[in-house]
Amino acid sequence: MEKERVVITGLGTINAIAGNASNFSAALRQGVCGIGPVTVFDTTDFRTRTGGEVKNFVPRERIPPEFSLKRMSRSDCMALAAALEALNDAGLFPVPEFLQPDTGVVIGGGAGGMLEGEEAYRQYLKGNGKGVRYSRFSAFCCASSADRIASNLGLMGPKTTFMTACSSGATAIGYARDLIREGAATTVIAGGTEPLCRITYAAFNALQAVDREYCKPFDKNRQGLSLGEGAGIMILESLSQAQKRGARVYGEVLGYGVSCDSYHMTAPDPEASGAVRCIEAALQDSGVAPEQVDYINAHGTATPANDPIETRGIKTVFGQRAYHLPVSSTKSMTGHALGAAGAIEGVACVLGIFQHFIPPTIHLTEPDPECDLDYVTEGSREVGVNIVLSNSFAFGGNNTAIVFGSYTPRGIAHE
């Protein structure tokens, strides 16, 4: 029996360079840098001061009054705002009553309501255990975002949260595609959300994995990543349902792959074996040959270890063609949004497919000899893109790669 094709009919995002998908597209094309001083908490005592912070985010400006914001974290609010944007974009808001039982929510995350939890605990200590409502900790778990989306919209399909570190958002999109292909849902709100918070910021500073200024992926003088935050959401539907309601289609989720390095908690396998297995699995699942890929959205964190190892993995899979294949890191603009990174980058990939452009890698001025691919350093390229590979390689060796395609990709057989 032929599996359902899974298409993308709505996009929503909020991140360091844009408050919605339309502005995100423009900012990607312009090579805007969203990395600057962090203001959501005091960074005085930290080694670094910068990050890809979402600027001027006022939840009520993005979320209608019929939705209660009570007990919602910054992360929950960003996820709900992006989900509502994506649903509006897909022509599915309000969600039709007949679709509610078959609409799922799959969200990747990490810190969840940690930012609010930190502040509540600070107040708890300050008041010797008095004056803090325990309800302030209710959104602490990262699963809260999927809960809020589903409950606010009355959705009764599958609801899942993934927490696989930096690959969470990508894994969520892949799993959402599986739900539709297996008939468990006809529509899924899929993506990721992540806030900046003190504990995460302190941990990466302790690892000395953060650049004091801004990240420089694939550059010889890179000093580490820039932490970011935000949310990226896409509406996935079965092709038959999208056609039935005459929906605009941005593209398809052709397939994905996952693997584990089984090497180290924070360092990637030096041989890039986990990355290679992950990419090869994604291509096989998609029915896509290496020569059909038009662009790679790299994990591209700008850490000393990641960039050359990811480059090595790309060379292993694509051979000599790797030198002629555009690769870029949009983290150079947004920062690394951890649990939301793969989802935000997924939105970037789909926008590139639909609007015919490849986003650049900014801040790359002195190439690392070990990173010798085409990293799109001259600015965005206005070219047709049919097949895109998006890499997300996380701590713990949690690797996920997704293959996105134009609505009718060249020579792809859907099985």
Protein backbone atom coordinates (compact mmCIF):
# COMPACT_ATOMS: atom_id res chain seq x y z
CA MET A 1 0.00 0.00 0.00
CA GLU A 2 1.40 3.39 -1.01
CA LYS A 3 2.21 5.70 1.89
CA GLU A 4 0.71 9.19 2.08
CA ARG A 5 2.93 11.99 0.89
CA VAL A 6 3.39 14.60 3.60
CA VAL A 7 3.32 18.25 2.57
CA ILE A 8 3.97 21.54 4.35
CA THR A 9 1.12 24.02 4.16
CA GLY A 10 1.93 26.58 6.87
CA LEU A 11 5.01 28.19 8.42
CA GLY A 12 5.53 30.18 11.58
CA THR A 13 8.58 31.39 13.47
CA ILE A 14 9.92 33.83 15.97
CA ASN A 15 13.68 34.11 16.33
CA ALA A 16 16.56 36.53 16.76
CA ILE A 17 16.28 38.02 13.26
CA ALA A 18 12.54 37.97 12.61
CA GLY A 19 9.16 37.89 14.30
CA ASN A 20 7.40 35.94 11.55
CA ALA A 21 8.12 33.74 8.55
CA SER A 22 7.82 36.52 5.96
CA ASN A 23 10.34 38.72 7.75
CA PHE A 24 12.53 35.68 8.36
CA SER A 25 12.82 35.11 4.64
CA ALA A 26 13.84 38.73 4.05
CA ALA A 27 16.36 38.67 6.93
CA LEU A 28 17.94 35.44 5.68
CA ARG A 29 18.36 36.93 2.22
CA GLN A 30 19.92 40.07 3.67
CA GLY A 31 22.29 38.17 5.94
CA VAL A 32 21.04 39.90 9.09
CA CYS A 33 22.90 39.16 12.32
CA GLY A 34 20.63 38.77 15.34
CA ILE A 35 23.42 38.12 17.83
CA GLY A 36 23.90 40.88 20.38
CA PRO A 37 23.69 41.68 24.11
CA VAL A 38 21.46 39.36 26.15
CA THR A 39 18.86 41.27 28.17
CA VAL A 40 16.36 38.63 29.36
CA PHE A 41 18.59 38.04 32.39
CA ASP A 42 21.66 39.67 33.91
CA THR A 43 24.86 38.41 32.27
CA THR A 44 27.26 40.40 34.50
CA ASP A 45 28.76 37.35 36.16
CA PHE A 46 29.13 35.29 32.98
CA ARG A 47 32.17 34.82 30.78
CA THR A 48 30.21 36.10 27.76
CA ARG A 49 27.37 38.61 27.28
CA THR A 50 25.89 37.91 23.85
CA GLY A 51 23.29 35.65 22.27
CA GLY A 52 20.59 35.39 19.63
CA GLU A 53 17.79 36.86 21.74
CA VAL A 54 14.24 37.39 20.48
CA LYS A 55 13.82 41.15 20.66
CA ASN A 56 10.78 42.99 21.99
CA PHE A 57 8.64 39.89 22.35
CA VAL A 58 5.27 40.83 23.85
CA PRO A 59 3.17 37.64 23.88
CA ARG A 60 -0.18 39.41 23.88
CA GLU A 61 0.72 41.19 20.66
CA ARG A 62 1.03 37.80 18.97
CA ILE A 63 -1.57 35.75 20.84
CA PRO A 64 -5.28 36.71 20.71
CA PRO A 65 -7.11 37.56 23.97
CA GLU A 66 -9.23 34.40 23.84
CA PHE A 67 -6.07 32.46 24.72
CA SER A 68 -5.07 32.67 28.37
CA LEU A 69 -1.40 33.37 29.04
CA LYS A 70 -1.69 32.39 32.69
CA ARG A 71 1.09 30.07 33.81
CA MET A 72 2.69 30.11 30.36
CA SER A 73 6.45 30.44 30.07
CA ARG A 74 8.34 32.50 27.51
CA SER A 75 9.02 29.26 25.67
CA ASP A 76 5.32 28.30 25.69
CA CYS A 77 4.34 31.74 24.39
CA MET A 78 6.86 31.64 21.55
CA ALA A 79 5.65 28.17 20.55
CA LEU A 80 1.99 29.17 20.63
CA ALA A 81 2.64 32.40 18.72
CA ALA A 82 4.53 30.52 15.98
CA ALA A 83 1.85 27.80 15.87
CA LEU A 84 -0.93 30.34 15.43
CA GLU A 85 1.03 32.05 12.66
CA ALA A 86 1.55 28.72 10.90
CA LEU A 87 -2.13 27.76 11.23
CA ASN A 88 -3.23 31.14 9.86
CA ASP A 89 -0.73 30.73 7.03
CA ALA A 90 -2.20 27.31 6.23
CA GLY A 91 -5.78 28.61 6.33
CA LEU A 92 -6.54 26.40 9.32
CA PHE A 93 -7.27 28.91 12.06
CA PRO A 94 -9.56 28.43 13.79
CA VAL A 95 -8.96 24.71 13.39
CA PRO A 96 -12.10 23.24 11.78
CA GLU A 97 -14.05 21.10 14.22
CA PHE A 98 -13.94 18.07 11.95
CA LEU A 99 -10.12 18.20 11.95
CA GLN A 100 -9.60 18.50 15.70
CA PRO A 101 -9.72 14.73 16.44
CA ASP A 102 -7.10 14.01 13.73
CA THR A 103 -4.71 16.91 14.36
CA GLY A 104 -1.59 16.20 16.38
CA VAL A 105 1.09 18.32 18.05
CA VAL A 106 4.76 17.32 18.11
CA ILE A 107 7.19 19.79 19.65
CA GLY A 108 10.91 19.61 20.33
CA GLY A 109 12.36 21.52 23.26
CA GLY A 110 14.92 21.72 25.98
CA ALA A 111 14.86 24.35 28.72
CA GLY A 112 11.08 24.80 28.70
CA GLY A 113 10.05 27.12 31.54
CA MET A 114 13.52 27.19 33.08
CA LEU A 115 13.79 30.98 32.80
CA GLU A 116 10.65 31.49 34.89
CA GLY A 117 11.64 28.68 37.25
CA GLU A 118 15.00 30.33 37.90
CA GLU A 119 13.37 33.64 38.78
CA ALA A 120 10.76 31.99 40.99
CA TYR A 121 13.46 30.08 42.84
CA ARG A 122 15.47 33.27 43.25
CA GLN A 123 12.43 34.92 44.82
CA TYR A 124 11.82 31.84 46.96
CA LEU A 125 15.33 32.05 48.42
CA LYS A 126 15.07 35.80 48.86
CA GLY A 127 11.85 35.44 50.85
CA ASN A 128 13.00 32.43 52.88
CA GLY A 129 10.41 30.25 51.21
CA LYS A 130 7.59 32.77 51.38
CA GLY A 131 5.79 34.83 48.77
CA VAL A 132 6.22 32.50 45.77
CA ARG A 133 3.26 30.69 44.28
CA TYR A 134 4.16 27.15 43.35
CA SER A 135 2.01 27.56 40.24
CA ARG A 136 4.90 29.63 38.86
CA PHE A 137 6.71 26.34 38.35
CA SER A 138 3.82 24.75 36.42
CA ALA A 139 5.35 25.48 33.01
CA PHE A 140 8.82 24.29 34.05
CA CYS A 141 8.70 21.09 31.96
CA CYS A 142 9.42 21.49 28.25
CA ALA A 143 6.36 19.31 27.51
CA SER A 144 4.23 22.28 28.58
CA SER A 145 4.44 23.90 25.12
CA ALA A 146 2.79 21.00 23.29
CA ASP A 147 0.19 20.85 26.07
CA ARG A 148 -0.64 24.54 25.69
CA ILE A 149 -0.97 24.36 21.91
CA ALA A 150 -3.20 21.28 21.98
CA SER A 151 -5.43 22.40 24.85
CA ASN A 152 -5.89 25.95 23.56
CA LEU A 153 -6.91 24.68 20.13
CA GLY A 154 -8.97 21.69 21.28
CA LEU A 155 -6.80 19.19 19.42
CA MET A 156 -7.21 15.50 20.19
CA GLY A 157 -4.67 13.82 17.92
CA PRO A 158 -1.26 12.46 18.99
CA LYS A 159 0.71 14.81 21.26
CA THR A 160 4.42 14.29 21.85
CA THR A 161 7.43 16.24 23.08
CA PHE A 162 10.98 15.42 22.01
CA MET A 163 13.99 16.37 24.10
CA THR A 164 17.04 15.16 22.16
CA ALA A 165 19.15 18.28 22.81
CA CYS A 166 20.00 20.25 19.66
CA SER A 167 18.19 17.83 17.34
CA SER A 168 14.84 18.03 19.17
CA GLY A 169 13.05 20.29 16.68
CA ALA A 170 14.26 18.29 13.70
CA THR A 171 13.28 14.98 15.29
CA ALA A 172 9.81 16.38 16.01
CA ILE A 173 9.28 17.19 12.33
CA GLY A 174 10.46 13.75 11.25
CA TYR A 175 8.21 11.98 13.73
CA ALA A 176 5.25 14.16 12.73
CA ARG A 177 5.77 13.04 9.16
CA ASP A 178 5.67 9.41 10.33
CA LEU A 179 2.37 9.97 12.15
CA ILE A 180 0.75 11.16 8.95
CA ARG A 181 2.27 8.46 6.75
CA GLU A 182 1.08 5.77 9.16
CA GLY A 183 -2.44 7.19 9.31
CA ALA A 184 -2.32 8.25 12.97
CA ALA A 185 -3.09 11.87 12.04
CA THR A 186 -4.05 13.88 8.97
CA THR A 187 -2.54 17.14 10.22
CA VAL A 188 0.31 17.79 12.66
CA ILE A 189 1.62 21.02 14.16
CA ALA A 190 5.33 20.27 14.34
CA GLY A 191 8.48 22.13 15.34
CA GLY A 192 10.44 23.30 18.33
CA THR A 193 10.80 26.02 20.95
CA GLU A 194 13.63 27.13 23.22
CA PRO A 195 14.23 30.08 25.56
CA LEU A 196 17.45 31.61 26.71
CA CYS A 197 17.97 30.93 30.42
CA ARG A 198 20.71 31.25 33.02
CA ILE A 199 21.38 27.54 33.56
CA THR A 200 21.87 26.81 29.86
CA TYR A 201 23.95 29.95 29.43
CA ALA A 202 26.11 29.04 32.45
CA ALA A 203 26.61 25.48 31.22
CA PHE A 204 27.89 26.50 27.79
CA ASN A 205 30.09 29.17 29.35
CA ALA A 206 31.53 26.54 31.71
CA LEU A 207 32.35 24.41 28.66
CA GLN A 208 33.98 27.50 27.11
CA ALA A 209 32.00 26.67 24.01
CA VAL A 210 30.59 30.19 23.49
CA ASP A 211 32.10 32.95 21.38
CA ARG A 212 32.43 36.24 23.27
CA GLU A 213 31.35 38.22 20.21
CA TYR A 214 29.33 36.21 17.67
CA CYS A 215 29.72 32.77 16.17
CA LYS A 216 31.78 32.32 12.99
CA PRO A 217 30.86 28.94 11.48
CA PHE A 218 33.63 27.24 9.48
CA ASP A 219 36.02 30.18 10.08
CA LYS A 220 39.62 29.49 11.09
CA ASN A 221 39.24 31.88 14.05
CA ARG A 222 35.93 30.57 15.36
CA GLN A 223 35.69 30.50 19.14
CA GLY A 224 32.43 28.66 19.66
CA LEU A 225 28.70 29.01 19.25
CA SER A 226 26.31 31.82 20.09
CA LEU A 227 23.30 30.64 22.07
CA GLY A 228 19.93 31.65 20.68
CA GLU A 229 16.24 31.23 21.31
CA GLY A 230 12.95 31.16 19.45
CA ALA A 231 10.41 28.84 17.91
CA GLY A 232 9.85 27.33 14.50
CA ILE A 233 6.59 25.61 13.53
CA MET A 234 5.30 24.04 10.36
CA ILE A 235 1.92 22.57 9.52
CA LEU A 236 2.23 19.11 8.00
CA GLU A 237 -0.69 17.51 6.19
CA SER A 238 -1.37 14.46 4.12
CA LEU A 239 -1.26 15.40 0.46
CA SER A 240 -4.79 14.10 -0.06
CA GLN A 241 -6.20 16.39 2.62
CA ALA A 242 -4.24 19.40 1.39
CA GLN A 243 -5.51 18.81 -2.15
CA LYS A 244 -9.08 18.33 -0.94
CA ARG A 245 -9.15 21.75 0.70
CA GLY A 246 -7.12 23.47 -2.03
CA ALA A 247 -4.25 24.39 0.27
CA ARG A 248 -1.10 26.13 -0.89
CA VAL A 249 1.84 23.74 -0.57
CA TYR A 250 5.32 25.01 0.35
CA GLY A 251 7.04 21.68 -0.11
CA GLU A 252 7.31 18.14 1.24
CA VAL A 253 9.01 16.31 4.07
CA LEU A 254 10.54 13.57 1.97
CA GLY A 255 12.24 11.67 4.78
CA TYR A 256 14.59 11.75 7.70
CA GLY A 257 17.27 9.74 9.45
CA VAL A 258 18.47 9.40 13.02
CA SER A 259 21.61 7.90 14.54
CA CYS A 260 23.69 7.91 17.70
CA ASP A 261 27.44 8.50 17.82
CA SER A 262 27.88 6.39 20.99
CA TYR A 263 31.09 8.32 21.49
CA HIS A 264 30.98 11.19 24.03
CA MET A 265 28.43 13.32 25.88
CA THR A 266 29.47 16.63 24.28
CA ALA A 267 32.00 15.80 21.54
CA PRO A 268 31.13 14.34 18.12
CA ASP A 269 32.76 11.20 16.82
CA PRO A 270 36.01 12.40 15.16
CA GLU A 271 35.38 10.06 12.23
CA ALA A 272 31.91 11.58 11.68
CA SER A 273 30.46 8.08 11.53
CA GLY A 274 27.25 9.08 13.33
CA ALA A 275 26.69 12.02 11.02
CA VAL A 276 27.34 9.85 7.97
CA ARG A 277 24.89 7.15 9.07
CA CYS A 278 22.29 9.78 9.83
CA ILE A 279 22.58 11.54 6.46
CA GLU A 280 22.63 8.25 4.55
CA ALA A 281 19.53 7.07 6.42
CA ALA A 282 17.72 10.32 5.57
CA LEU A 283 18.57 10.00 1.89
CA GLN A 284 17.52 6.35 1.80
CA ASP A 285 14.24 7.09 3.59
CA SER A 286 13.57 9.88 1.08
CA GLY A 287 14.45 7.92 -2.02
CA VAL A 288 16.91 10.68 -2.88
CA ALA A 289 20.32 10.06 -4.42
CA PRO A 290 23.25 12.20 -3.20
CA GLU A 291 23.56 13.88 -6.60
CA GLN A 292 19.97 15.15 -6.34
CA VAL A 293 20.61 17.30 -3.24
CA ASP A 294 20.82 21.00 -4.14
CA TYR A 295 21.77 22.53 -0.78
CA ILE A 296 22.74 21.53 2.76
CA ASN A 297 21.67 23.55 5.77
CA ALA A 298 24.51 22.58 8.06
CA HIS A 299 24.42 22.10 11.81
CA GLY A 300 27.29 24.60 11.63
CA THR A 301 27.70 25.57 15.29
CA ALA A 302 31.14 27.21 14.96
CA THR A 303 32.63 25.09 17.72
CA PRO A 304 36.20 23.88 17.07
CA ALA A 305 35.06 20.25 16.90
CA ASN A 306 31.74 20.40 15.05
CA ASP A 307 32.62 22.26 11.86
CA PRO A 308 35.51 20.13 10.52
CA ILE A 309 33.79 16.90 11.56
CA GLU A 310 30.52 17.87 9.88
CA THR A 311 32.54 18.84 6.79
CA ARG A 312 34.20 15.43 6.87
CA GLY A 313 30.82 13.71 7.10
CA ILE A 314 29.48 15.65 4.10
CA LYS A 315 32.56 14.68 2.06
CA THR A 316 32.15 11.03 3.01
CA VAL A 317 28.54 10.91 1.84
CA PHE A 318 28.77 13.13 -1.24
CA GLY A 319 32.33 12.43 -2.42
CA GLN A 320 33.74 14.88 -4.95
CA ARG A 321 30.33 16.46 -5.40
CA ALA A 322 30.64 17.87 -1.87
CA TYR A 323 32.96 20.55 -3.28
CA HIS A 324 30.25 21.76 -5.65
CA LEU A 325 27.35 21.58 -3.20
CA PRO A 326 26.28 24.80 -1.41
CA VAL A 327 26.44 24.46 2.38
CA SER A 328 25.56 27.18 4.86
CA SER A 329 24.93 27.73 8.55
CA THR A 330 21.97 29.97 9.37
CA LYS A 331 23.09 29.81 13.01
CA SER A 332 25.55 32.51 12.01
CA MET A 333 22.49 34.80 11.94
CA THR A 334 20.05 33.37 14.51
CA GLY A 335 22.45 31.85 17.01
CA HIS A 336 22.04 28.26 18.16
CA ALA A 337 18.50 27.83 19.48
CA LEU A 338 19.21 24.31 20.73
CA GLY A 339 15.88 22.42 20.98
CA ALA A 340 14.31 24.80 18.45
CA ALA A 341 17.30 24.98 16.11
CA GLY A 342 16.32 22.15 13.76
CA ALA A 343 12.79 23.51 13.45
CA ILE A 344 13.83 27.11 12.80
CA GLU A 345 16.33 25.85 10.23
CA GLY A 346 13.61 23.65 8.75
CA VAL A 347 11.50 26.76 8.19
CA ALA A 348 14.53 28.41 6.56
CA CYS A 349 14.97 25.42 4.24
CA VAL A 350 11.33 25.37 3.18
CA LEU A 351 11.34 29.13 2.54
CA GLY A 352 14.45 28.66 0.39
CA ILE A 353 12.74 25.93 -1.64
CA PHE A 354 9.52 27.88 -2.09
CA GLN A 355 11.12 31.26 -2.80
CA HIS A 356 14.19 30.02 -4.71
CA PHE A 357 17.14 31.14 -2.61
CA ILE A 358 19.99 29.77 -0.52
CA PRO A 359 20.78 31.66 2.72
CA PRO A 360 24.40 32.63 3.42
CA THR A 361 26.92 31.91 6.15
CA ILE A 362 27.86 35.29 7.62
CA HIS A 363 30.99 36.14 9.68
CA LEU A 364 33.11 33.66 7.70
CA THR A 365 36.12 35.77 6.65
CA GLU A 366 39.13 33.47 7.03
CA PRO A 367 38.40 29.90 5.91
CA ASP A 368 39.63 26.99 7.99
CA PRO A 369 41.75 24.70 5.76
CA GLU A 370 39.85 21.74 7.20
CA CYS A 371 36.55 23.37 6.19
CA ASP A 372 36.99 23.71 2.45
CA LEU A 373 33.48 23.46 1.01
CA ASP A 374 31.24 26.09 -0.60
CA TYR A 375 29.77 27.81 2.49
CA VAL A 376 27.90 30.56 0.58
CA THR A 377 29.90 33.44 2.03
CA GLU A 378 29.16 36.07 -0.62
CA GLY A 379 25.54 36.58 0.43
CA SER A 380 22.34 34.72 -0.37
CA ARG A 381 22.00 33.08 -3.78
CA GLU A 382 18.85 33.53 -5.79
CA VAL A 383 18.70 30.09 -7.37
CA GLY A 384 16.18 27.31 -7.75
CA VAL A 385 16.34 24.71 -4.99
CA ASN A 386 14.45 21.42 -5.20
CA ILE A 387 16.03 19.14 -2.59
CA VAL A 388 17.49 20.33 0.72
CA LEU A 389 19.23 18.35 3.45
CA SER A 390 19.09 19.85 6.95
CA ASN A 391 21.52 18.53 9.58
CA SER A 392 21.04 18.62 13.35
CA PHE A 393 23.80 16.97 15.39
CA ALA A 394 23.28 17.15 19.15
CA PHE A 395 25.04 16.52 22.44
CA GLY A 396 24.94 12.86 23.36
CA GLY A 397 25.42 12.00 19.69
CA ASN A 398 21.71 12.55 18.96
CA ASN A 399 21.79 13.06 15.19
CA THR A 400 18.85 13.87 12.94
CA ALA A 401 18.87 14.82 9.27
CA ILE A 402 15.76 15.80 7.31
CA VAL A 403 15.25 15.94 3.56
CA PHE A 404 12.82 18.60 2.33
CA GLY A 405 11.70 18.80 -1.27
CA SER A 406 9.76 21.04 -3.61
CA TYR A 407 6.17 19.95 -4.13
CA THR A 408 7.04 17.89 -7.21
CA PRO A 409 10.79 17.17 -6.87
CA ARG A 410 12.79 16.18 -9.90
CA GLY A 411 12.87 12.44 -10.45
CA ILE A 412 11.71 11.49 -6.97
CA ALA A 413 9.53 8.41 -6.66
CA HIS A 414 7.23 8.57 -3.64
CA GLU A 415 6.70 5.14 -2.23
